[in-house]
Amino acid sequence: MTAHVSVQIRIKDRAKLKEYASQAPATVAAHGGRFIVRGNVTEVLSGNADLDVVAMIEFPDAETARRWYNSAEYQALIPIREQGADMVFALVEMP
């Protein structure tokens, strides 16, 4: 079953986020994933959200998504990510 990783992003340091963003997509692709949505939040239509960017990454299944997130290659980028932005990652499994 297809699985998605939803990423909600609040930018702290644009230079560090750019550094992270230049490396993270290669780790996604190496695990069979692909970005299907990546864009700036222009308006919050309902609720209270302090978001700048939203991304959605598609993987063949949930286990592959977990392997990507827990991979040594991706884990090595987390310190850069944390300097650049606050991010919430959620695994969404499709029925």
PDB file of N, CA and C in Angstrom:
ATOM      1  N   MET A   1       0.828  -1.187   0.000  1.00  0.00           N
ATOM      2  CA  MET A   1       0.000   0.000   0.000  1.00  0.00           C
ATOM      3  C   MET A   1       0.870   1.247   0.000  1.00  0.00           C
ATOM      4  N   THR A   2       0.504   2.207  -0.815  1.00  0.00           N
ATOM      5  CA  THR A   2       1.213   3.474  -0.866  1.00  0.00           C
ATOM      6  C   THR A   2       1.144   4.167   0.489  1.00  0.00           C
ATOM      7  N   ALA A   3       2.231   4.818   0.852  1.00  0.00           N
ATOM      8  CA  ALA A   3       2.277   5.595   2.087  1.00  0.00           C
ATOM      9  C   ALA A   3       2.868   6.964   1.780  1.00  0.00           C
ATOM     10  N   HIS A   4       2.469   7.928   2.570  1.00  0.00           N
ATOM     11  CA  HIS A   4       2.973   9.288   2.390  1.00  0.00           C
ATOM     12  C   HIS A   4       3.541   9.809   3.702  1.00  0.00           C
ATOM     13  N   VAL A   5       4.523  10.675   3.574  1.00  0.00           N
ATOM     14  CA  VAL A   5       5.045  11.397   4.724  1.00  0.00           C
ATOM     15  C   VAL A   5       4.669  12.860   4.511  1.00  0.00           C
ATOM     16  N   SER A   6       3.865  13.365   5.431  1.00  0.00           N
ATOM     17  CA  SER A   6       3.464  14.767   5.415  1.00  0.00           C
ATOM     18  C   SER A   6       4.470  15.542   6.267  1.00  0.00           C
ATOM     19  N   VAL A   7       4.950  16.653   5.725  1.00  0.00           N
ATOM     20  CA  VAL A   7       5.940  17.460   6.439  1.00  0.00           C
ATOM     21  C   VAL A   7       5.424  18.893   6.545  1.00  0.00           C
ATOM     22  N   GLN A   8       5.293  19.376   7.769  1.00  0.00           N
ATOM     23  CA  GLN A   8       4.889  20.752   8.020  1.00  0.00           C
ATOM     24  C   GLN A   8       6.110  21.505   8.529  1.00  0.00           C
ATOM     25  N   ILE A   9       6.384  22.641   7.939  1.00  0.00           N
ATOM     26  CA  ILE A   9       7.665  23.325   8.151  1.00  0.00           C
ATOM     27  C   ILE A   9       7.463  24.778   8.581  1.00  0.00           C
ATOM     28  N   ARG A  10       8.173  25.157   9.643  1.00  0.00           N
ATOM     29  CA  ARG A  10       8.266  26.558  10.057  1.00  0.00           C
ATOM     30  C   ARG A  10       9.742  26.941   9.987  1.00  0.00           C
ATOM     31  N   ILE A  11      10.071  27.873   9.139  1.00  0.00           N
ATOM     32  CA  ILE A  11      11.462  28.240   8.860  1.00  0.00           C
ATOM     33  C   ILE A  11      12.046  29.063  10.014  1.00  0.00           C
ATOM     34  N   LYS A  12      13.295  28.684  10.394  1.00  0.00           N
ATOM     35  CA  LYS A  12      14.048  29.439  11.407  1.00  0.00           C
ATOM     36  C   LYS A  12      15.247  30.140  10.777  1.00  0.00           C
ATOM     37  N   ASP A  13      15.946  29.449   9.876  1.00  0.00           N
ATOM     38  CA  ASP A  13      17.161  29.967   9.253  1.00  0.00           C
ATOM     39  C   ASP A  13      17.157  29.517   7.796  1.00  0.00           C
ATOM     40  N   ARG A  14      16.893  30.447   6.891  1.00  0.00           N
ATOM     41  CA  ARG A  14      16.754  30.097   5.469  1.00  0.00           C
ATOM     42  C   ARG A  14      18.020  29.483   4.872  1.00  0.00           C
ATOM     43  N   ALA A  15      19.182  29.952   5.282  1.00  0.00           N
ATOM     44  CA  ALA A  15      20.437  29.407   4.746  1.00  0.00           C
ATOM     45  C   ALA A  15      20.613  27.945   5.155  1.00  0.00           C
ATOM     46  N   LYS A  16      20.337  27.632   6.410  1.00  0.00           N
ATOM     47  CA  LYS A  16      20.452  26.243   6.881  1.00  0.00           C
ATOM     48  C   LYS A  16      19.383  25.368   6.239  1.00  0.00           C
ATOM     49  N   LEU A  17      18.183  25.916   6.069  1.00  0.00           N
ATOM     50  CA  LEU A  17      17.128  25.146   5.411  1.00  0.00           C
ATOM     51  C   LEU A  17      17.511  24.853   3.963  1.00  0.00           C
ATOM     52  N   LYS A  18      18.115  25.804   3.295  1.00  0.00           N
ATOM     53  CA  LYS A  18      18.566  25.601   1.914  1.00  0.00           C
ATOM     54  C   LYS A  18      19.635  24.509   1.862  1.00  0.00           C
ATOM     55  N   GLU A  19      20.556  24.510   2.825  1.00  0.00           N
ATOM     56  CA  GLU A  19      21.591  23.474   2.897  1.00  0.00           C
ATOM     57  C   GLU A  19      20.948  22.092   3.063  1.00  0.00           C
ATOM     58  N   TYR A  20      19.993  21.992   3.982  1.00  0.00           N
ATOM     59  CA  TYR A  20      19.268  20.734   4.208  1.00  0.00           C
ATOM     60  C   TYR A  20      18.517  20.323   2.941  1.00  0.00           C
ATOM     61  N   ALA A  21      17.810  21.269   2.339  1.00  0.00           N
ATOM     62  CA  ALA A  21      16.983  20.971   1.168  1.00  0.00           C
ATOM     63  C   ALA A  21      17.815  20.586  -0.055  1.00  0.00           C
ATOM     64  N   SER A  22      19.071  20.943  -0.071  1.00  0.00           N
ATOM     65  CA  SER A  22      19.930  20.552  -1.191  1.00  0.00           C
ATOM     66  C   SER A  22      20.376  19.094  -1.088  1.00  0.00           C
ATOM     67  N   GLN A  23      20.238  18.498   0.104  1.00  0.00           N
ATOM     68  CA  GLN A  23      20.709  17.133   0.325  1.00  0.00           C
ATOM     69  C   GLN A  23      19.598  16.116   0.589  1.00  0.00           C
ATOM     70  N   ALA A  24      18.517  16.542   1.208  1.00  0.00           N
ATOM     71  CA  ALA A  24      17.455  15.611   1.609  1.00  0.00           C
ATOM     72  C   ALA A  24      16.786  14.889   0.437  1.00  0.00           C
ATOM     73  N   PRO A  25      16.496  15.545  -0.693  1.00  0.00           N
ATOM     74  CA  PRO A  25      15.811  14.834  -1.781  1.00  0.00           C
ATOM     75  C   PRO A  25      16.565  13.605  -2.297  1.00  0.00           C
ATOM     76  N   ALA A  26      17.864  13.625  -2.274  1.00  0.00           N
ATOM     77  CA  ALA A  26      18.636  12.458  -2.722  1.00  0.00           C
ATOM     78  C   ALA A  26      18.410  11.268  -1.802  1.00  0.00           C
ATOM     79  N   THR A  27      18.223  11.529  -0.513  1.00  0.00           N
ATOM     80  CA  THR A  27      17.965  10.423   0.416  1.00  0.00           C
ATOM     81  C   THR A  27      16.575   9.845   0.180  1.00  0.00           C
ATOM     82  N   VAL A  28      15.627  10.700  -0.150  1.00  0.00           N
ATOM     83  CA  VAL A  28      14.266  10.246  -0.468  1.00  0.00           C
ATOM     84  C   VAL A  28      14.294   9.361  -1.709  1.00  0.00           C
ATOM     85  N   ALA A  29      14.932   9.847  -2.769  1.00  0.00           N
ATOM     86  CA  ALA A  29      14.995   9.097  -4.030  1.00  0.00           C
ATOM     87  C   ALA A  29      15.709   7.760  -3.856  1.00  0.00           C
ATOM     88  N   ALA A  30      16.741   7.734  -3.030  1.00  0.00           N
ATOM     89  CA  ALA A  30      17.494   6.498  -2.802  1.00  0.00           C
ATOM     90  C   ALA A  30      16.636   5.422  -2.145  1.00  0.00           C
ATOM     91  N   HIS A  31      15.526   5.827  -1.532  1.00  0.00           N
ATOM     92  CA  HIS A  31      14.623   4.873  -0.875  1.00  0.00           C
ATOM     93  C   HIS A  31      13.301   4.731  -1.625  1.00  0.00           C
ATOM     94  N   GLY A  32      13.303   5.095  -2.893  1.00  0.00           N
ATOM     95  CA  GLY A  32      12.115   4.894  -3.715  1.00  0.00           C
ATOM     96  C   GLY A  32      11.009   5.895  -3.495  1.00  0.00           C
ATOM     97  N   GLY A  33      11.313   7.007  -2.857  1.00  0.00           N
ATOM     98  CA  GLY A  33      10.301   8.023  -2.600  1.00  0.00           C
ATOM     99  C   GLY A  33      10.376   9.150  -3.608  1.00  0.00           C
ATOM    100  N   ARG A  34       9.300   9.934  -3.632  1.00  0.00           N
ATOM    101  CA  ARG A  34       9.278  11.106  -4.500  1.00  0.00           C
ATOM    102  C   ARG A  34       8.389  12.172  -3.876  1.00  0.00           C
ATOM    103  N   PHE A  35       8.795  13.427  -4.058  1.00  0.00           N
ATOM    104  CA  PHE A  35       7.984  14.541  -3.579  1.00  0.00           C
ATOM    105  C   PHE A  35       6.801  14.717  -4.523  1.00  0.00           C
ATOM    106  N   ILE A  36       5.600  14.725  -3.960  1.00  0.00           N
ATOM    107  CA  ILE A  36       4.418  14.964  -4.790  1.00  0.00           C
ATOM    108  C   ILE A  36       3.830  16.350  -4.523  1.00  0.00           C
ATOM    109  N   VAL A  37       4.185  16.948  -3.394  1.00  0.00           N
ATOM    110  CA  VAL A  37       3.791  18.316  -3.066  1.00  0.00           C
ATOM    111  C   VAL A  37       4.952  18.960  -2.322  1.00  0.00           C
ATOM    112  N   ARG A  38       5.272  20.180  -2.707  1.00  0.00           N
ATOM    113  CA  ARG A  38       6.256  20.959  -1.956  1.00  0.00           C
ATOM    114  C   ARG A  38       5.999  22.415  -2.309  1.00  0.00           C
ATOM    115  N   GLY A  39       5.554  23.187  -1.341  1.00  0.00           N
ATOM    116  CA  GLY A  39       5.249  24.575  -1.651  1.00  0.00           C
ATOM    117  C   GLY A  39       5.046  25.429  -0.422  1.00  0.00           C
ATOM    118  N   ASN A  40       5.024  26.722  -0.654  1.00  0.00           N
ATOM    119  CA  ASN A  40       4.839  27.699   0.406  1.00  0.00           C
ATOM    120  C   ASN A  40       3.366  27.776   0.799  1.00  0.00           C
ATOM    121  N   VAL A  41       3.115  27.908   2.077  1.00  0.00           N
ATOM    122  CA  VAL A  41       1.763  28.124   2.575  1.00  0.00           C
ATOM    123  C   VAL A  41       1.442  29.599   2.346  1.00  0.00           C
ATOM    124  N   THR A  42       0.420  29.868   1.564  1.00  0.00           N
ATOM    125  CA  THR A  42       0.056  31.253   1.266  1.00  0.00           C
ATOM    126  C   THR A  42      -1.103  31.751   2.117  1.00  0.00           C
ATOM    127  N   GLU A  43      -1.892  30.796   2.645  1.00  0.00           N
ATOM    128  CA  GLU A  43      -3.036  31.184   3.467  1.00  0.00           C
ATOM    129  C   GLU A  43      -3.503  29.978   4.271  1.00  0.00           C
ATOM    130  N   VAL A  44      -3.810  30.200   5.536  1.00  0.00           N
ATOM    131  CA  VAL A  44      -4.425  29.167   6.368  1.00  0.00           C
ATOM    132  C   VAL A  44      -5.928  29.416   6.318  1.00  0.00           C
ATOM    133  N   LEU A  45      -6.660  28.464   5.782  1.00  0.00           N
ATOM    134  CA  LEU A  45      -8.091  28.655   5.587  1.00  0.00           C
ATOM    135  C   LEU A  45      -8.904  28.391   6.850  1.00  0.00           C
ATOM    136  N   SER A  46      -8.384  27.555   7.739  1.00  0.00           N
ATOM    137  CA  SER A  46      -9.110  27.241   8.965  1.00  0.00           C
ATOM    138  C   SER A  46      -8.110  26.803  10.026  1.00  0.00           C
ATOM    139  N   GLY A  47      -8.364  27.174  11.249  1.00  0.00           N
ATOM    140  CA  GLY A  47      -7.502  26.739  12.339  1.00  0.00           C
ATOM    141  C   GLY A  47      -6.355  27.693  12.586  1.00  0.00           C
ATOM    142  N   ASN A  48      -5.473  27.254  13.457  1.00  0.00           N
ATOM    143  CA  ASN A  48      -4.328  28.035  13.879  1.00  0.00           C
ATOM    144  C   ASN A  48      -3.064  27.310  13.478  1.00  0.00           C
ATOM    145  N   ALA A  49      -2.379  27.785  12.468  1.00  0.00           N
ATOM    146  CA  ALA A  49      -1.168  27.107  12.013  1.00  0.00           C
ATOM    147  C   ALA A  49      -0.081  28.129  11.728  1.00  0.00           C
ATOM    148  N   ASP A  50       1.083  27.881  12.255  1.00  0.00           N
ATOM    149  CA  ASP A  50       2.237  28.744  12.024  1.00  0.00           C
ATOM    150  C   ASP A  50       3.177  27.996  11.078  1.00  0.00           C
ATOM    151  N   LEU A  51       2.766  27.910   9.815  1.00  0.00           N
ATOM    152  CA  LEU A  51       3.511  27.131   8.823  1.00  0.00           C
ATOM    153  C   LEU A  51       4.008  28.031   7.708  1.00  0.00           C
ATOM    154  N   ASP A  52       5.178  27.695   7.172  1.00  0.00           N
ATOM    155  CA  ASP A  52       5.710  28.407   6.017  1.00  0.00           C
ATOM    156  C   ASP A  52       5.682  27.538   4.763  1.00  0.00           C
ATOM    157  N   VAL A  53       5.942  26.239   4.939  1.00  0.00           N
ATOM    158  CA  VAL A  53       6.061  25.323   3.808  1.00  0.00           C
ATOM    159  C   VAL A  53       5.403  23.997   4.183  1.00  0.00           C
ATOM    160  N   VAL A  54       4.824  23.337   3.202  1.00  0.00           N
ATOM    161  CA  VAL A  54       4.266  22.002   3.383  1.00  0.00           C
ATOM    162  C   VAL A  54       4.813  21.115   2.270  1.00  0.00           C
ATOM    163  N   ALA A  55       5.139  19.880   2.621  1.00  0.00           N
ATOM    164  CA  ALA A  55       5.603  18.906   1.623  1.00  0.00           C
ATOM    165  C   ALA A  55       4.897  17.580   1.867  1.00  0.00           C
ATOM    166  N   MET A  56       4.752  16.819   0.802  1.00  0.00           N
ATOM    167  CA  MET A  56       4.199  15.469   0.892  1.00  0.00           C
ATOM    168  C   MET A  56       5.113  14.579   0.052  1.00  0.00           C
ATOM    169  N   ILE A  57       5.595  13.500   0.684  1.00  0.00           N
ATOM    170  CA  ILE A  57       6.508  12.569   0.021  1.00  0.00           C
ATOM    171  C   ILE A  57       5.794  11.239  -0.104  1.00  0.00           C
ATOM    172  N   GLU A  58       5.818  10.657  -1.287  1.00  0.00           N
ATOM    173  CA  GLU A  58       5.173   9.364  -1.527  1.00  0.00           C
ATOM    174  C   GLU A  58       6.216   8.250  -1.531  1.00  0.00           C
ATOM    175  N   PHE A  59       5.885   7.154  -0.860  1.00  0.00           N
ATOM    176  CA  PHE A  59       6.723   5.956  -0.823  1.00  0.00           C
ATOM    177  C   PHE A  59       5.874   4.755  -1.225  1.00  0.00           C
ATOM    178  N   PRO A  60       6.517   3.689  -1.690  1.00  0.00           N
ATOM    179  CA  PRO A  60       5.753   2.493  -2.071  1.00  0.00           C
ATOM    180  C   PRO A  60       4.934   1.899  -0.933  1.00  0.00           C
ATOM    181  N   ASP A  61       5.433   2.016   0.302  1.00  0.00           N
ATOM    182  CA  ASP A  61       4.723   1.484   1.467  1.00  0.00           C
ATOM    183  C   ASP A  61       5.289   2.126   2.728  1.00  0.00           C
ATOM    184  N   ALA A  62       4.618   1.880   3.841  1.00  0.00           N
ATOM    185  CA  ALA A  62       5.004   2.506   5.109  1.00  0.00           C
ATOM    186  C   ALA A  62       6.377   2.055   5.588  1.00  0.00           C
ATOM    187  N   GLU A  63       6.697   0.799   5.393  1.00  0.00           N
ATOM    188  CA  GLU A  63       7.994   0.299   5.846  1.00  0.00           C
ATOM    189  C   GLU A  63       9.138   0.997   5.102  1.00  0.00           C
ATOM    190  N   THR A  64       8.954   1.240   3.821  1.00  0.00           N
ATOM    191  CA  THR A  64       9.976   1.948   3.043  1.00  0.00           C
ATOM    192  C   THR A  64      10.129   3.378   3.554  1.00  0.00           C
ATOM    193  N   ALA A  65       9.011   4.021   3.884  1.00  0.00           N
ATOM    194  CA  ALA A  65       9.076   5.384   4.437  1.00  0.00           C
ATOM    195  C   ALA A  65       9.839   5.390   5.756  1.00  0.00           C
ATOM    196  N   ARG A  66       9.569   4.413   6.603  1.00  0.00           N
ATOM    197  CA  ARG A  66      10.288   4.317   7.883  1.00  0.00           C
ATOM    198  C   ARG A  66      11.783   4.075   7.664  1.00  0.00           C
ATOM    199  N   ARG A  67      12.111   3.195   6.701  1.00  0.00           N
ATOM    200  CA  ARG A  67      13.532   2.931   6.414  1.00  0.00           C
ATOM    201  C   ARG A  67      14.234   4.196   5.957  1.00  0.00           C
ATOM    202  N   TRP A  68      13.556   4.986   5.124  1.00  0.00           N
ATOM    203  CA  TRP A  68      14.146   6.258   4.684  1.00  0.00           C
ATOM    204  C   TRP A  68      14.410   7.150   5.897  1.00  0.00           C
ATOM    205  N   TYR A  69      13.379   7.388   6.714  1.00  0.00           N
ATOM    206  CA  TYR A  69      13.531   8.316   7.827  1.00  0.00           C
ATOM    207  C   TYR A  69      14.615   7.862   8.797  1.00  0.00           C
ATOM    208  N   ASN A  70      14.713   6.582   9.020  1.00  0.00           N
ATOM    209  CA  ASN A  70      15.685   6.044   9.973  1.00  0.00           C
ATOM    210  C   ASN A  70      17.051   5.729   9.363  1.00  0.00           C
ATOM    211  N   SER A  71      17.201   5.953   8.058  1.00  0.00           N
ATOM    212  CA  SER A  71      18.477   5.645   7.396  1.00  0.00           C
ATOM    213  C   SER A  71      19.595   6.538   7.927  1.00  0.00           C
ATOM    214  N   ALA A  72      20.794   6.015   7.894  1.00  0.00           N
ATOM    215  CA  ALA A  72      21.959   6.785   8.347  1.00  0.00           C
ATOM    216  C   ALA A  72      22.125   8.056   7.523  1.00  0.00           C
ATOM    217  N   GLU A  73      21.840   7.967   6.223  1.00  0.00           N
ATOM    218  CA  GLU A  73      21.994   9.130   5.336  1.00  0.00           C
ATOM    219  C   GLU A  73      21.044  10.262   5.743  1.00  0.00           C
ATOM    220  N   TYR A  74      19.791   9.904   6.024  1.00  0.00           N
ATOM    221  CA  TYR A  74      18.846  10.951   6.405  1.00  0.00           C
ATOM    222  C   TYR A  74      19.105  11.423   7.829  1.00  0.00           C
ATOM    223  N   GLN A  75      19.365  10.525   8.742  1.00  0.00           N
ATOM    224  CA  GLN A  75      19.616  10.904  10.127  1.00  0.00           C
ATOM    225  C   GLN A  75      20.788  11.882  10.240  1.00  0.00           C
ATOM    226  N   ALA A  76      21.773  11.756   9.352  1.00  0.00           N
ATOM    227  CA  ALA A  76      22.923  12.665   9.367  1.00  0.00           C
ATOM    228  C   ALA A  76      22.521  14.103   9.040  1.00  0.00           C
ATOM    229  N   LEU A  77      21.385  14.285   8.354  1.00  0.00           N
ATOM    230  CA  LEU A  77      20.930  15.626   7.979  1.00  0.00           C
ATOM    231  C   LEU A  77      20.093  16.311   9.061  1.00  0.00           C
ATOM    232  N   ILE A  78      19.662  15.567  10.054  1.00  0.00           N
ATOM    233  CA  ILE A  78      18.757  16.124  11.057  1.00  0.00           C
ATOM    234  C   ILE A  78      19.353  17.313  11.817  1.00  0.00           C
ATOM    235  N   PRO A  79      20.618  17.313  12.202  1.00  0.00           N
ATOM    236  CA  PRO A  79      21.147  18.513  12.875  1.00  0.00           C
ATOM    237  C   PRO A  79      21.052  19.775  12.005  1.00  0.00           C
ATOM    238  N   ILE A  80      21.274  19.639  10.712  1.00  0.00           N
ATOM    239  CA  ILE A  80      21.138  20.788   9.801  1.00  0.00           C
ATOM    240  C   ILE A  80      19.668  21.188   9.718  1.00  0.00           C
ATOM    241  N   ARG A  81      18.791  20.189   9.587  1.00  0.00           N
ATOM    242  CA  ARG A  81      17.349  20.439   9.516  1.00  0.00           C
ATOM    243  C   ARG A  81      16.876  21.207  10.741  1.00  0.00           C
ATOM    244  N   GLU A  82      17.309  20.787  11.911  1.00  0.00           N
ATOM    245  CA  GLU A  82      16.860  21.420  13.146  1.00  0.00           C
ATOM    246  C   GLU A  82      17.362  22.855  13.290  1.00  0.00           C
ATOM    247  N   GLN A  83      18.491  23.167  12.686  1.00  0.00           N
ATOM    248  CA  GLN A  83      18.974  24.547  12.678  1.00  0.00           C
ATOM    249  C   GLN A  83      18.163  25.401  11.710  1.00  0.00           C
ATOM    250  N   GLY A  84      17.699  24.782  10.626  1.00  0.00           N
ATOM    251  CA  GLY A  84      16.992  25.526   9.588  1.00  0.00           C
ATOM    252  C   GLY A  84      15.513  25.704   9.804  1.00  0.00           C
ATOM    253  N   ALA A  85      14.871  24.725  10.471  1.00  0.00           N
ATOM    254  CA  ALA A  85      13.413  24.803  10.590  1.00  0.00           C
ATOM    255  C   ALA A  85      12.910  23.863  11.670  1.00  0.00           C
ATOM    256  N   ASP A  86      11.727  24.191  12.152  1.00  0.00           N
ATOM    257  CA  ASP A  86      10.977  23.250  12.970  1.00  0.00           C
ATOM    258  C   ASP A  86      10.092  22.482  12.009  1.00  0.00           C
ATOM    259  N   MET A  87      10.127  21.152  12.076  1.00  0.00           N
ATOM    260  CA  MET A  87       9.348  20.336  11.157  1.00  0.00           C
ATOM    261  C   MET A  87       8.592  19.262  11.911  1.00  0.00           C
ATOM    262  N   VAL A  88       7.402  18.984  11.416  1.00  0.00           N
ATOM    263  CA  VAL A  88       6.586  17.876  11.927  1.00  0.00           C
ATOM    264  C   VAL A  88       6.438  16.888  10.783  1.00  0.00           C
ATOM    265  N   PHE A  89       6.814  15.625  11.035  1.00  0.00           N
ATOM    266  CA  PHE A  89       6.707  14.551  10.049  1.00  0.00           C
ATOM    267  C   PHE A  89       5.599  13.608  10.506  1.00  0.00           C
ATOM    268  N   ALA A  90       4.688  13.292   9.607  1.00  0.00           N
ATOM    269  CA  ALA A  90       3.607  12.349   9.921  1.00  0.00           C
ATOM    270  C   ALA A  90       3.519  11.313   8.819  1.00  0.00           C
ATOM    271  N   LEU A  91       3.479  10.043   9.209  1.00  0.00           N
ATOM    272  CA  LEU A  91       3.327   8.944   8.257  1.00  0.00           C
ATOM    273  C   LEU A  91       1.840   8.719   8.016  1.00  0.00           C
ATOM    274  N   VAL A  92       1.433   8.756   6.748  1.00  0.00           N
ATOM    275  CA  VAL A  92       0.044   8.596   6.368  1.00  0.00           C
ATOM    276  C   VAL A  92      -0.054   7.384   5.446  1.00  0.00           C
ATOM    277  N   GLU A  93      -0.744   6.354   5.908  1.00  0.00           N
ATOM    278  CA  GLU A  93      -0.896   5.148   5.099  1.00  0.00           C
ATOM    279  C   GLU A  93      -2.209   5.212   4.331  1.00  0.00           C
ATOM    280  N   MET A  94      -2.139   4.851   3.074  1.00  0.00           N
ATOM    281  CA  MET A  94      -3.317   4.861   2.218  1.00  0.00           C
ATOM    282  C   MET A  94      -3.975   3.481   2.252  1.00  0.00           C
ATOM    283  N   PRO A  95      -5.303   3.444   2.327  1.00  0.00           N
ATOM    284  CA  PRO A  95      -5.989   2.143   2.358  1.00  0.00           C
ATOM    285  C   PRO A  95      -5.921   1.436   1.013  1.00  0.00           C
TER     286      PRO A  95
END
